[in-house]
Protein backbone atom coordinates (compact mmCIF):
# COMPACT_ATOMS: atom_id res chain seq x y z
CA UNK A 1 6.13 27.19 -7.14
CA UNK A 2 8.24 27.44 -10.30
CA UNK A 3 11.06 29.58 -7.86
CA UNK A 4 13.67 27.02 -8.19
CA UNK A 5 13.33 26.90 -12.08
CA UNK A 6 13.54 30.68 -12.42
CA UNK A 7 16.62 30.29 -9.84
CA UNK A 8 18.29 28.07 -11.94
CA UNK A 9 17.77 30.16 -15.01
CA UNK A 10 18.85 33.23 -13.50
CA UNK A 11 22.13 31.54 -12.25
CA UNK A 12 22.98 30.11 -15.57
CA UNK A 13 22.58 33.73 -17.31
CA UNK A 14 24.10 35.28 -14.55
CA UNK A 15 27.25 33.42 -14.53
CA UNK A 16 27.70 32.70 -18.42
CA UNK A 17 27.45 36.69 -18.22
CA UNK A 18 29.96 37.03 -15.87
CA UNK A 19 32.34 34.61 -17.62
CA UNK A 20 31.17 35.89 -21.12
CA UNK A 21 33.14 38.83 -19.54
CA UNK A 22 35.96 36.92 -18.77
CA UNK A 23 36.48 35.58 -21.92
CA UNK A 24 36.17 38.67 -24.15
CA UNK A 25 38.91 40.11 -21.92
CA UNK A 26 40.99 36.70 -22.79
CA UNK A 27 40.34 37.37 -26.37
CA UNK A 28 41.58 40.85 -26.22
CA UNK A 29 45.09 39.71 -24.35
CA UNK A 30 45.59 36.94 -26.70
CA UNK A 31 46.62 39.55 -29.57
CA UNK A 32 48.77 41.04 -26.71
CA UNK A 33 50.80 37.81 -25.54
CA UNK A 34 50.16 35.71 -29.17
CA UNK A 35 53.98 36.63 -30.00
CA UNK A 36 55.67 37.19 -26.97
CA UNK A 37 56.97 33.83 -25.59
CA UNK A 38 56.01 30.02 -25.56
CA UNK A 39 55.84 30.19 -21.78
CA UNK A 40 53.51 32.84 -21.78
CA UNK A 41 51.34 31.54 -24.51
CA UNK A 42 51.23 27.82 -23.05
CA UNK A 43 49.86 29.86 -19.53
CA UNK A 44 47.44 31.95 -21.58
CA UNK A 45 45.93 28.76 -22.89
CA UNK A 46 45.77 27.05 -19.48
CA UNK A 47 44.01 30.32 -18.24
CA UNK A 48 41.63 29.86 -20.93
CA UNK A 49 41.29 26.23 -20.16
CA UNK A 50 40.82 26.54 -16.75
CA UNK A 51 38.18 29.39 -17.28
CA UNK A 52 36.27 27.04 -19.26
CA UNK A 53 35.99 24.60 -17.09
CA UNK A 54 35.01 26.51 -14.02
CA UNK A 55 32.28 27.99 -16.20
CA UNK A 56 31.09 24.48 -16.99
CA UNK A 57 31.43 23.84 -12.97
CA UNK A 58 29.10 26.78 -12.20
CA UNK A 59 26.33 25.79 -14.76
CA UNK A 60 26.27 22.07 -13.77
CA UNK A 61 26.59 22.33 -10.04
CA UNK A 62 22.99 23.65 -9.33
CA UNK A 63 21.79 20.93 -11.03
CA UNK A 64 23.83 18.09 -9.12
CA UNK A 65 23.06 19.50 -5.56
CA UNK A 66 19.48 19.66 -6.59
CA UNK A 67 18.14 17.95 -9.49
CA UNK A 68 14.39 18.41 -9.07
CA UNK A 69 12.36 21.06 -11.08
CA UNK A 70 8.82 20.67 -9.40
CA UNK A 71 7.52 20.45 -6.17
CA UNK A 72 9.89 17.96 -4.85
CA UNK A 73 12.57 20.53 -5.00
CA UNK A 74 10.81 22.80 -2.44
CA UNK A 75 10.12 19.77 -0.36
CA UNK A 76 6.39 20.45 0.00
CA UNK A 77 4.90 17.30 -0.89
CA UNK A 78 3.34 15.16 1.36
CA UNK A 79 5.96 12.45 0.67
CA UNK A 80 8.25 12.09 3.86
CA UNK A 81 11.09 10.87 2.18
CA UNK A 82 11.19 13.82 -0.32
CA UNK A 83 11.03 16.70 2.80
CA UNK A 84 14.25 18.75 2.28
CA UNK A 85 14.89 16.98 -0.76
CA UNK A 86 17.49 20.23 -1.75
């Protein structure tokens, strides 16, 4: 069953497209807040960094929760130790 592999691919693409939209809005707002104040500029860069870290987390999280990409991920092998591995 390749369903776990396709699920991971779908999640990575879905989250990446979601965060691409967020980063496009942040790129648009950069021109608006660029010369307003130093405090607002610092807050803007904090939001950009936080958004980047959040994107990295949601991309890595499925692989941390279930690092198996074969039948071990489904728990359908005959090994009792791998039953319900993920």
